[in-house]
Amino acid sequence: ADDIESARLALAECDLGEFATRLMNELSGGERQRVVLARAIATNARI
C-alpha cells in the first residue's frame, strides 16, 4: 500500500494524476518524460 501511495503522490506532483491507467506507448514524448521523473520521485531517493 505504501508503494502505491508513493507512486500516486509522485504522479500527482508531476501533473499526471489522471494518467495512472494510460499506457506508456500511447503517451507523447513530453508526457513520458514526466512519468520518468515521477518514477524517480517515487523511489524516495535523496539524490
All heavy atoms as atom14 arrays in JSON, in Angstrom:
{
  "sequence": "ADDIESARLALAECDLGEFATRLMNELSGGERQRVVLARAIATNARI",
  "atom14_mask": [
    [1, 1, 1, 1, 1, 0, 0, 0, 0, 0, 0, 0, 0, 0],
    [1, 1, 1, 1, 1, 1, 1, 1, 0, 0, 0, 0, 0, 0],
    [1, 1, 1, 1, 1, 1, 1, 1, 0, 0, 0, 0, 0, 0],
    [1, 1, 1, 1, 1, 1, 1, 1, 0, 0, 0, 0, 0, 0],
    [1, 1, 1, 1, 1, 1, 1, 1, 1, 0, 0, 0, 0, 0],
    [1, 1, 1, 1, 1, 1, 0, 0, 0, 0, 0, 0, 0, 0],
    [1, 1, 1, 1, 1, 0, 0, 0, 0, 0, 0, 0, 0, 0],
    [1, 1, 1, 1, 1, 1, 1, 1, 1, 1, 1, 0, 0, 0],
    [1, 1, 1, 1, 1, 1, 1, 1, 0, 0, 0, 0, 0, 0],
    [1, 1, 1, 1, 1, 0, 0, 0, 0, 0, 0, 0, 0, 0],
    [1, 1, 1, 1, 1, 1, 1, 1, 0, 0, 0, 0, 0, 0],
    [1, 1, 1, 1, 1, 0, 0, 0, 0, 0, 0, 0, 0, 0],
    [1, 1, 1, 1, 1, 1, 1, 1, 1, 0, 0, 0, 0, 0],
    [1, 1, 1, 1, 1, 1, 0, 0, 0, 0, 0, 0, 0, 0],
    [1, 1, 1, 1, 1, 1, 1, 1, 0, 0, 0, 0, 0, 0],
    [1, 1, 1, 1, 1, 1, 1, 1, 0, 0, 0, 0, 0, 0],
    [1, 1, 1, 1, 0, 0, 0, 0, 0, 0, 0, 0, 0, 0],
    [1, 1, 1, 1, 1, 1, 1, 1, 1, 0, 0, 0, 0, 0],
    [1, 1, 1, 1, 1, 1, 1, 1, 1, 1, 1, 0, 0, 0],
    [1, 1, 1, 1, 1, 0, 0, 0, 0, 0, 0, 0, 0, 0],
    [1, 1, 1, 1, 1, 1, 1, 0, 0, 0, 0, 0, 0, 0],
    [1, 1, 1, 1, 1, 1, 1, 1, 1, 1, 1, 0, 0, 0],
    [1, 1, 1, 1, 1, 1, 1, 1, 0, 0, 0, 0, 0, 0],
    [1, 1, 1, 1, 1, 1, 1, 1, 0, 0, 0, 0, 0, 0],
    [1, 1, 1, 1, 1, 1, 1, 1, 0, 0, 0, 0, 0, 0],
    [1, 1, 1, 1, 1, 1, 1, 1, 1, 0, 0, 0, 0, 0],
    [1, 1, 1, 1, 1, 1, 1, 1, 0, 0, 0, 0, 0, 0],
    [1, 1, 1, 1, 1, 1, 0, 0, 0, 0, 0, 0, 0, 0],
    [1, 1, 1, 1, 0, 0, 0, 0, 0, 0, 0, 0, 0, 0],
    [1, 1, 1, 1, 0, 0, 0, 0, 0, 0, 0, 0, 0, 0],
    [1, 1, 1, 1, 1, 1, 1, 1, 1, 0, 0, 0, 0, 0],
    [1, 1, 1, 1, 1, 1, 1, 1, 1, 1, 1, 0, 0, 0],
    [1, 1, 1, 1, 1, 1, 1, 1, 1, 0, 0, 0, 0, 0],
    [1, 1, 1, 1, 1, 1, 1, 1, 1, 1, 1, 0, 0, 0],
    [1, 1, 1, 1, 1, 1, 1, 0, 0, 0, 0, 0, 0, 0],
    [1, 1, 1, 1, 1, 1, 1, 0, 0, 0, 0, 0, 0, 0],
    [1, 1, 1, 1, 1, 1, 1, 1, 0, 0, 0, 0, 0, 0],
    [1, 1, 1, 1, 1, 0, 0, 0, 0, 0, 0, 0, 0, 0],
    [1, 1, 1, 1, 1, 1, 1, 1, 1, 1, 1, 0, 0, 0],
    [1, 1, 1, 1, 1, 0, 0, 0, 0, 0, 0, 0, 0, 0],
    [1, 1, 1, 1, 1, 1, 1, 1, 0, 0, 0, 0, 0, 0],
    [1, 1, 1, 1, 1, 0, 0, 0, 0, 0, 0, 0, 0, 0],
    [1, 1, 1, 1, 1, 1, 1, 0, 0, 0, 0, 0, 0, 0],
    [1, 1, 1, 1, 1, 1, 1, 1, 0, 0, 0, 0, 0, 0],
    [1, 1, 1, 1, 1, 0, 0, 0, 0, 0, 0, 0, 0, 0],
    [1, 1, 1, 1, 1, 1, 1, 1, 1, 1, 1, 0, 0, 0],
    [1, 1, 1, 1, 1, 1, 1, 1, 0, 0, 0, 0, 0, 0]
  ],
  "atom14_positions": [
    [[0.83, -1.21, 0.0], [0.0, 0.0, 0.0], [0.87, 1.25, 0.0], [0.53, 2.25, -0.63], [-0.93, -0.02, 1.22], [0.0, 0.0, 0.0], [0.0, 0.0, 0.0], [0.0, 0.0, 0.0], [0.0, 0.0, 0.0], [0.0, 0.0, 0.0], [0.0, 0.0, 0.0], [0.0, 0.0, 0.0], [0.0, 0.0, 0.0], [0.0, 0.0, 0.0]],
    [[2.01, 1.21, 0.71], [2.93, 2.34, 0.72], [3.5, 2.59, -0.67], [3.68, 3.75, -1.08], [4.07, 2.1, 1.71], [3.63, 2.27, 3.16], [2.56, 2.88, 3.39], [4.36, 1.8, 4.05], [0.0, 0.0, 0.0], [0.0, 0.0, 0.0], [0.0, 0.0, 0.0], [0.0, 0.0, 0.0], [0.0, 0.0, 0.0], [0.0, 0.0, 0.0]],
    [[3.84, 1.52, -1.39], [4.36, 1.66, -2.75], [3.34, 2.38, -3.64], [3.68, 3.31, -4.37], [4.68, 0.3, -3.36], [5.85, -0.4, -2.68], [6.73, 0.31, -2.15], [5.88, -1.64, -2.7], [0.0, 0.0, 0.0], [0.0, 0.0, 0.0], [0.0, 0.0, 0.0], [0.0, 0.0, 0.0], [0.0, 0.0, 0.0], [0.0, 0.0, 0.0]],
    [[2.1, 1.94, -3.57], [1.06, 2.52, -4.42], [0.8, 3.97, -4.05], [0.64, 4.83, -4.92], [-0.23, 1.68, -4.33], [0.03, 0.28, -4.92], [-1.38, 2.36, -5.04], [-1.11, -0.69, -4.72], [0.0, 0.0, 0.0], [0.0, 0.0, 0.0], [0.0, 0.0, 0.0], [0.0, 0.0, 0.0], [0.0, 0.0, 0.0], [0.0, 0.0, 0.0]],
    [[0.8, 4.26, -2.76], [0.6, 5.65, -2.32], [1.73, 6.55, -2.79], [1.51, 7.66, -3.27], [0.48, 5.7, -0.8], [0.33, 7.1, -0.21], [-1.01, 7.75, -0.55], [-1.87, 7.07, -1.15], [-1.18, 8.93, -0.22], [0.0, 0.0, 0.0], [0.0, 0.0, 0.0], [0.0, 0.0, 0.0], [0.0, 0.0, 0.0], [0.0, 0.0, 0.0]],
    [[2.97, 6.07, -2.67], [4.12, 6.86, -3.13], [4.04, 7.11, -4.63], [4.34, 8.21, -5.1], [5.43, 6.13, -2.79], [5.64, 6.09, -1.41], [0.0, 0.0, 0.0], [0.0, 0.0, 0.0], [0.0, 0.0, 0.0], [0.0, 0.0, 0.0], [0.0, 0.0, 0.0], [0.0, 0.0, 0.0], [0.0, 0.0, 0.0], [0.0, 0.0, 0.0]],
    [[3.64, 6.1, -5.39], [3.53, 6.25, -6.83], [2.45, 7.25, -7.2], [2.64, 8.11, -8.08], [3.25, 4.89, -7.48], [0.0, 0.0, 0.0], [0.0, 0.0, 0.0], [0.0, 0.0, 0.0], [0.0, 0.0, 0.0], [0.0, 0.0, 0.0], [0.0, 0.0, 0.0], [0.0, 0.0, 0.0], [0.0, 0.0, 0.0], [0.0, 0.0, 0.0]],
    [[1.31, 7.18, -6.53], [0.21, 8.1, -6.86], [0.56, 9.54, -6.48], [0.21, 10.48, -7.2], [-1.08, 7.64, -6.18], [-1.64, 6.35, -6.75], [-3.05, 6.09, -6.31], [-3.59, 4.86, -6.87], [-4.11, 4.75, -8.09], [-4.16, 5.83, -8.87], [-4.58, 3.6, -8.53], [0.0, 0.0, 0.0], [0.0, 0.0, 0.0], [0.0, 0.0, 0.0]],
    [[1.24, 9.72, -5.37], [1.67, 11.06, -4.99], [2.66, 11.62, -6.0], [2.59, 12.8, -6.37], [2.31, 11.03, -3.59], [1.35, 10.94, -2.41], [2.12, 10.73, -1.11], [0.49, 12.19, -2.31], [0.0, 0.0, 0.0], [0.0, 0.0, 0.0], [0.0, 0.0, 0.0], [0.0, 0.0, 0.0], [0.0, 0.0, 0.0], [0.0, 0.0, 0.0]],
    [[3.59, 10.79, -6.44], [4.58, 11.24, -7.43], [3.9, 11.63, -8.73], [4.26, 12.63, -9.36], [5.62, 10.15, -7.66], [0.0, 0.0, 0.0], [0.0, 0.0, 0.0], [0.0, 0.0, 0.0], [0.0, 0.0, 0.0], [0.0, 0.0, 0.0], [0.0, 0.0, 0.0], [0.0, 0.0, 0.0], [0.0, 0.0, 0.0], [0.0, 0.0, 0.0]],
    [[2.9, 10.85, -9.15], [2.17, 11.19, -10.37], [1.44, 12.52, -10.22], [1.44, 13.36, -11.13], [1.18, 10.08, -10.71], [1.77, 8.79, -11.27], [0.69, 7.71, -11.4], [2.41, 9.05, -12.63], [0.0, 0.0, 0.0], [0.0, 0.0, 0.0], [0.0, 0.0, 0.0], [0.0, 0.0, 0.0], [0.0, 0.0, 0.0], [0.0, 0.0, 0.0]],
    [[0.83, 12.74, -9.06], [0.12, 14.0, -8.84], [1.08, 15.19, -8.89], [0.76, 16.23, -9.47], [-0.6, 13.95, -7.49], [0.0, 0.0, 0.0], [0.0, 0.0, 0.0], [0.0, 0.0, 0.0], [0.0, 0.0, 0.0], [0.0, 0.0, 0.0], [0.0, 0.0, 0.0], [0.0, 0.0, 0.0], [0.0, 0.0, 0.0], [0.0, 0.0, 0.0]],
    [[2.27, 15.03, -8.3], [3.23, 16.12, -8.29], [3.74, 16.46, -9.68], [4.14, 17.6, -9.95], [4.4, 15.77, -7.36], [4.01, 15.82, -5.89], [5.04, 15.16, -5.0], [6.14, 14.88, -5.47], [4.71, 14.94, -3.81], [0.0, 0.0, 0.0], [0.0, 0.0, 0.0], [0.0, 0.0, 0.0], [0.0, 0.0, 0.0], [0.0, 0.0, 0.0]],
    [[3.73, 15.48, -10.58], [4.2, 15.7, -11.95], [3.05, 16.0, -12.9], [3.2, 15.89, -14.13], [4.98, 14.48, -12.43], [6.54, 14.24, -11.55], [0.0, 0.0, 0.0], [0.0, 0.0, 0.0], [0.0, 0.0, 0.0], [0.0, 0.0, 0.0], [0.0, 0.0, 0.0], [0.0, 0.0, 0.0], [0.0, 0.0, 0.0], [0.0, 0.0, 0.0]],
    [[1.9, 16.39, -12.34], [0.73, 16.76, -13.13], [0.26, 15.6, -13.99], [-0.11, 15.76, -15.15], [1.06, 17.99, -14.0], [-0.19, 18.68, -14.53], [-1.26, 18.52, -13.93], [-0.08, 19.38, -15.56], [0.0, 0.0, 0.0], [0.0, 0.0, 0.0], [0.0, 0.0, 0.0], [0.0, 0.0, 0.0], [0.0, 0.0, 0.0], [0.0, 0.0, 0.0]],
    [[0.26, 14.41, -13.39], [-0.11, 13.19, -14.11], [-1.16, 12.39, -13.34], [-1.29, 11.18, -13.54], [1.13, 12.31, -14.34], [2.19, 12.87, -15.28], [3.5, 12.09, -15.11], [1.73, 12.8, -16.73], [0.0, 0.0, 0.0], [0.0, 0.0, 0.0], [0.0, 0.0, 0.0], [0.0, 0.0, 0.0], [0.0, 0.0, 0.0], [0.0, 0.0, 0.0]],
    [[-1.88, 13.06, -12.47], [-2.83, 12.35, -11.62], [-3.89, 11.56, -12.37], [-4.38, 10.54, -11.9], [0.0, 0.0, 0.0], [0.0, 0.0, 0.0], [0.0, 0.0, 0.0], [0.0, 0.0, 0.0], [0.0, 0.0, 0.0], [0.0, 0.0, 0.0], [0.0, 0.0, 0.0], [0.0, 0.0, 0.0], [0.0, 0.0, 0.0], [0.0, 0.0, 0.0]],
    [[-4.24, 12.02, -13.59], [-5.28, 11.34, -14.37], [-4.7, 10.32, -15.36], [-5.43, 9.77, -16.18], [-6.09, 12.39, -15.15], [-6.71, 13.47, -14.27], [-7.65, 12.91, -13.22], [-8.43, 11.99, -13.58], [-7.61, 13.36, -12.07], [0.0, 0.0, 0.0], [0.0, 0.0, 0.0], [0.0, 0.0, 0.0], [0.0, 0.0, 0.0], [0.0, 0.0, 0.0]],
    [[-3.38, 10.09, -15.27], [-2.72, 9.25, -16.27], [-2.46, 7.83, -15.78], [-1.87, 7.04, -16.52], [-1.38, 9.88, -16.67], [-1.49, 11.02, -17.64], [-2.17, 12.18, -17.32], [-0.92, 10.93, -18.9], [-2.28, 13.23, -18.2], [-1.02, 11.98, -19.81], [-1.71, 13.13, -19.45], [0.0, 0.0, 0.0], [0.0, 0.0, 0.0], [0.0, 0.0, 0.0]],
    [[-2.84, 7.47, -14.58], [-2.42, 6.21, -13.98], [-2.74, 5.0, -14.85], [-1.93, 4.05, -14.93], [-3.05, 6.04, -12.6], [0.0, 0.0, 0.0], [0.0, 0.0, 0.0], [0.0, 0.0, 0.0], [0.0, 0.0, 0.0], [0.0, 0.0, 0.0], [0.0, 0.0, 0.0], [0.0, 0.0, 0.0], [0.0, 0.0, 0.0], [0.0, 0.0, 0.0]],
    [[-3.87, 4.99, -15.52], [-4.27, 3.82, -16.29], [-3.91, 3.93, -17.77], [-4.16, 2.99, -18.54], [-5.78, 3.58, -16.16], [-6.5, 4.73, -16.64], [-6.17, 3.31, -14.72], [0.0, 0.0, 0.0], [0.0, 0.0, 0.0], [0.0, 0.0, 0.0], [0.0, 0.0, 0.0], [0.0, 0.0, 0.0], [0.0, 0.0, 0.0], [0.0, 0.0, 0.0]],
    [[-3.31, 5.05, -18.17], [-2.88, 5.19, -19.57], [-1.69, 4.29, -19.85], [-0.88, 3.98, -18.96], [-2.49, 6.65, -19.83], [-3.63, 7.65, -19.77], [-4.35, 7.78, -21.08], [-3.45, 8.24, -22.14], [-3.19, 9.53, -22.38], [-3.73, 10.48, -21.63], [-2.38, 9.85, -23.37], [0.0, 0.0, 0.0], [0.0, 0.0, 0.0], [0.0, 0.0, 0.0]],
    [[-1.54, 3.85, -21.09], [-0.41, 3.02, -21.47], [0.77, 3.89, -21.88], [0.61, 4.91, -22.54], [-0.8, 2.09, -22.63], [-1.85, 1.02, -22.32], [-2.17, 0.24, -23.58], [-1.38, 0.1, -21.2], [0.0, 0.0, 0.0], [0.0, 0.0, 0.0], [0.0, 0.0, 0.0], [0.0, 0.0, 0.0], [0.0, 0.0, 0.0], [0.0, 0.0, 0.0]],
    [[1.96, 3.46, -21.49], [3.17, 4.23, -21.77], [3.37, 4.44, -23.27], [3.84, 5.5, -23.69], [4.4, 3.54, -21.18], [4.46, 3.57, -19.66], [4.68, 5.24, -19.0], [6.32, 5.66, -19.61], [0.0, 0.0, 0.0], [0.0, 0.0, 0.0], [0.0, 0.0, 0.0], [0.0, 0.0, 0.0], [0.0, 0.0, 0.0], [0.0, 0.0, 0.0]],
    [[3.05, 3.44, -24.09], [3.28, 3.57, -25.52], [2.23, 4.42, -26.22], [2.29, 4.6, -27.43], [3.36, 2.18, -26.18], [2.09, 1.37, -26.0], [1.32, 1.62, -25.09], [1.88, 0.41, -26.88], [0.0, 0.0, 0.0], [0.0, 0.0, 0.0], [0.0, 0.0, 0.0], [0.0, 0.0, 0.0], [0.0, 0.0, 0.0], [0.0, 0.0, 0.0]],
    [[1.3, 4.98, -25.45], [0.29, 5.88, -26.01], [0.54, 7.33, -25.64], [-0.23, 8.21, -26.04], [-1.11, 5.46, -25.54], [-1.54, 4.1, -26.03], [-2.89, 3.68, -25.48], [-3.41, 4.38, -24.56], [-3.42, 2.66, -25.95], [0.0, 0.0, 0.0], [0.0, 0.0, 0.0], [0.0, 0.0, 0.0], [0.0, 0.0, 0.0], [0.0, 0.0, 0.0]],
    [[1.63, 7.59, -24.9], [1.9, 8.94, -24.42], [2.79, 9.7, -25.4], [3.55, 9.11, -26.16], [2.59, 8.89, -23.05], [1.87, 8.15, -21.93], [2.69, 8.25, -20.65], [0.47, 8.7, -21.72], [0.0, 0.0, 0.0], [0.0, 0.0, 0.0], [0.0, 0.0, 0.0], [0.0, 0.0, 0.0], [0.0, 0.0, 0.0], [0.0, 0.0, 0.0]],
    [[2.74, 11.01, -25.31], [3.66, 11.85, -26.07], [5.03, 11.81, -25.42], [5.19, 11.34, -24.28], [3.15, 13.29, -26.11], [3.25, 13.88, -24.82], [0.0, 0.0, 0.0], [0.0, 0.0, 0.0], [0.0, 0.0, 0.0], [0.0, 0.0, 0.0], [0.0, 0.0, 0.0], [0.0, 0.0, 0.0], [0.0, 0.0, 0.0], [0.0, 0.0, 0.0]],
    [[6.03, 12.33, -26.12], [7.38, 12.34, -25.56], [7.46, 13.14, -24.26], [8.11, 12.73, -23.3], [0.0, 0.0, 0.0], [0.0, 0.0, 0.0], [0.0, 0.0, 0.0], [0.0, 0.0, 0.0], [0.0, 0.0, 0.0], [0.0, 0.0, 0.0], [0.0, 0.0, 0.0], [0.0, 0.0, 0.0], [0.0, 0.0, 0.0], [0.0, 0.0, 0.0]],
    [[6.79, 14.28, -24.22], [6.81, 15.09, -23.01], [6.11, 14.41, -21.85], [6.55, 14.5, -20.71], [0.0, 0.0, 0.0], [0.0, 0.0, 0.0], [0.0, 0.0, 0.0], [0.0, 0.0, 0.0], [0.0, 0.0, 0.0], [0.0, 0.0, 0.0], [0.0, 0.0, 0.0], [0.0, 0.0, 0.0], [0.0, 0.0, 0.0], [0.0, 0.0, 0.0]],
    [[4.99, 13.73, -22.14], [4.28, 13.01, -21.09], [5.12, 11.88, -20.54], [5.18, 11.66, -19.32], [2.95, 12.49, -21.63], [1.93, 13.58, -21.91], [0.76, 13.12, -22.75], [0.86, 12.02, -23.37], [-0.24, 13.83, -22.82], [0.0, 0.0, 0.0], [0.0, 0.0, 0.0], [0.0, 0.0, 0.0], [0.0, 0.0, 0.0], [0.0, 0.0, 0.0]],
    [[5.79, 11.14, -21.42], [6.67, 10.06, -20.95], [7.8, 10.61, -20.09], [8.19, 9.99, -19.09], [7.23, 9.28, -22.14], [6.22, 8.39, -22.85], [6.9, 7.35, -23.73], [7.75, 7.96, -24.74], [7.31, 8.32, -25.94], [6.04, 8.18, -26.27], [8.14, 8.85, -26.82], [0.0, 0.0, 0.0], [0.0, 0.0, 0.0], [0.0, 0.0, 0.0]],
    [[8.34, 11.77, -20.46], [9.42, 12.37, -19.68], [8.96, 12.68, -18.26], [9.68, 12.47, -17.3], [9.92, 13.64, -20.37], [11.2, 14.21, -19.79], [12.43, 13.4, -20.19], [12.32, 12.37, -20.84], [13.6, 13.87, -19.81], [0.0, 0.0, 0.0], [0.0, 0.0, 0.0], [0.0, 0.0, 0.0], [0.0, 0.0, 0.0], [0.0, 0.0, 0.0]],
    [[7.75, 13.16, -18.12], [7.22, 13.46, -16.79], [6.97, 12.18, -15.99], [7.16, 12.15, -14.77], [5.93, 14.28, -16.9], [6.19, 15.73, -17.26], [4.92, 16.54, -17.16], [4.06, 16.34, -18.31], [2.74, 16.26, -18.26], [2.11, 16.32, -17.09], [2.03, 16.1, -19.36], [0.0, 0.0, 0.0], [0.0, 0.0, 0.0], [0.0, 0.0, 0.0]],
    [[6.56, 11.11, -16.69], [6.36, 9.83, -16.0], [7.69, 9.3, -15.48], [7.78, 8.76, -14.36], [5.69, 8.8, -16.93], [5.59, 7.44, -16.23], [4.29, 9.27, -17.33], [0.0, 0.0, 0.0], [0.0, 0.0, 0.0], [0.0, 0.0, 0.0], [0.0, 0.0, 0.0], [0.0, 0.0, 0.0], [0.0, 0.0, 0.0], [0.0, 0.0, 0.0]],
    [[8.76, 9.46, -16.26], [10.09, 9.01, -15.81], [10.51, 9.79, -14.57], [11.07, 9.22, -13.62], [11.12, 9.17, -16.95], [12.52, 8.86, -16.44], [10.78, 8.25, -18.11], [0.0, 0.0, 0.0], [0.0, 0.0, 0.0], [0.0, 0.0, 0.0], [0.0, 0.0, 0.0], [0.0, 0.0, 0.0], [0.0, 0.0, 0.0], [0.0, 0.0, 0.0]],
    [[10.24, 11.1, -14.53], [10.54, 11.87, -13.32], [9.71, 11.37, -12.15], [10.22, 11.25, -11.02], [10.28, 13.36, -13.56], [10.47, 14.25, -12.33], [11.91, 14.23, -11.85], [10.02, 15.68, -12.61], [0.0, 0.0, 0.0], [0.0, 0.0, 0.0], [0.0, 0.0, 0.0], [0.0, 0.0, 0.0], [0.0, 0.0, 0.0], [0.0, 0.0, 0.0]],
    [[8.43, 11.07, -12.39], [7.58, 10.56, -11.32], [8.13, 9.26, -10.75], [8.12, 9.05, -9.53], [6.15, 10.36, -11.83], [0.0, 0.0, 0.0], [0.0, 0.0, 0.0], [0.0, 0.0, 0.0], [0.0, 0.0, 0.0], [0.0, 0.0, 0.0], [0.0, 0.0, 0.0], [0.0, 0.0, 0.0], [0.0, 0.0, 0.0], [0.0, 0.0, 0.0]],
    [[8.63, 8.38, -11.61], [9.22, 7.13, -11.12], [10.44, 7.42, -10.24], [10.64, 6.78, -9.2], [9.61, 6.22, -12.28], [10.19, 4.89, -11.81], [10.49, 3.93, -12.94], [11.54, 4.42, -13.83], [12.06, 3.7, -14.82], [11.62, 2.48, -15.04], [13.0, 4.2, -15.57], [0.0, 0.0, 0.0], [0.0, 0.0, 0.0], [0.0, 0.0, 0.0]],
    [[11.27, 8.39, -10.65], [12.44, 8.74, -9.85], [12.01, 9.29, -8.49], [12.59, 8.95, -7.45], [13.29, 9.77, -10.6], [0.0, 0.0, 0.0], [0.0, 0.0, 0.0], [0.0, 0.0, 0.0], [0.0, 0.0, 0.0], [0.0, 0.0, 0.0], [0.0, 0.0, 0.0], [0.0, 0.0, 0.0], [0.0, 0.0, 0.0], [0.0, 0.0, 0.0]],
    [[10.99, 10.12, -8.47], [10.49, 10.68, -7.21], [9.93, 9.59, -6.32], [10.13, 9.6, -5.09], [9.45, 11.77, -7.5], [10.12, 13.0, -8.11], [8.69, 12.15, -6.23], [9.15, 14.06, -8.57], [0.0, 0.0, 0.0], [0.0, 0.0, 0.0], [0.0, 0.0, 0.0], [0.0, 0.0, 0.0], [0.0, 0.0, 0.0], [0.0, 0.0, 0.0]],
    [[9.22, 8.64, -6.91], [8.58, 7.58, -6.13], [9.59, 6.69, -5.42], [9.25, 6.02, -4.44], [7.69, 6.73, -7.03], [0.0, 0.0, 0.0], [0.0, 0.0, 0.0], [0.0, 0.0, 0.0], [0.0, 0.0, 0.0], [0.0, 0.0, 0.0], [0.0, 0.0, 0.0], [0.0, 0.0, 0.0], [0.0, 0.0, 0.0], [0.0, 0.0, 0.0]],
    [[10.83, 6.67, -5.88], [11.84, 5.85, -5.19], [12.19, 6.39, -3.82], [12.75, 5.68, -2.99], [13.14, 5.78, -6.02], [13.75, 7.09, -6.06], [12.88, 5.28, -7.43], [0.0, 0.0, 0.0], [0.0, 0.0, 0.0], [0.0, 0.0, 0.0], [0.0, 0.0, 0.0], [0.0, 0.0, 0.0], [0.0, 0.0, 0.0], [0.0, 0.0, 0.0]],
    [[11.88, 7.69, -3.56], [12.31, 8.38, -2.34], [13.82, 8.51, -2.24], [14.35, 8.72, -1.14], [11.76, 7.7, -1.08], [10.28, 8.0, -0.86], [9.69, 8.79, -1.59], [9.69, 7.34, 0.11], [0.0, 0.0, 0.0], [0.0, 0.0, 0.0], [0.0, 0.0, 0.0], [0.0, 0.0, 0.0], [0.0, 0.0, 0.0], [0.0, 0.0, 0.0]],
    [[14.53, 8.37, -3.35], [15.97, 8.57, -3.33], [16.28, 10.03, -2.99], [15.56, 10.94, -3.39], [16.57, 8.21, -4.69], [0.0, 0.0, 0.0], [0.0, 0.0, 0.0], [0.0, 0.0, 0.0], [0.0, 0.0, 0.0], [0.0, 0.0, 0.0], [0.0, 0.0, 0.0], [0.0, 0.0, 0.0], [0.0, 0.0, 0.0], [0.0, 0.0, 0.0]],
    [[17.38, 10.24, -2.28], [17.72, 11.59, -1.85], [18.58, 12.33, -2.86], [18.83, 13.53, -2.69], [18.42, 11.55, -0.49], [17.49, 11.1, 0.61], [17.98, 11.57, 1.97], [16.97, 11.33, 2.98], [15.94, 12.13, 3.22], [15.79, 13.23, 2.5], [15.06, 11.84, 4.15], [0.0, 0.0, 0.0], [0.0, 0.0, 0.0], [0.0, 0.0, 0.0]],
    [[19.06, 11.65, -3.88], [19.83, 12.31, -4.92], [19.15, 12.04, -6.26], [18.87, 10.89, -6.61], [21.29, 11.81, -4.97], [22.02, 12.15, -3.67], [22.04, 12.41, -6.16], [23.42, 11.59, -3.58], [0.0, 0.0, 0.0], [0.0, 0.0, 0.0], [0.0, 0.0, 0.0], [0.0, 0.0, 0.0], [0.0, 0.0, 0.0], [0.0, 0.0, 0.0]]
  ]
}
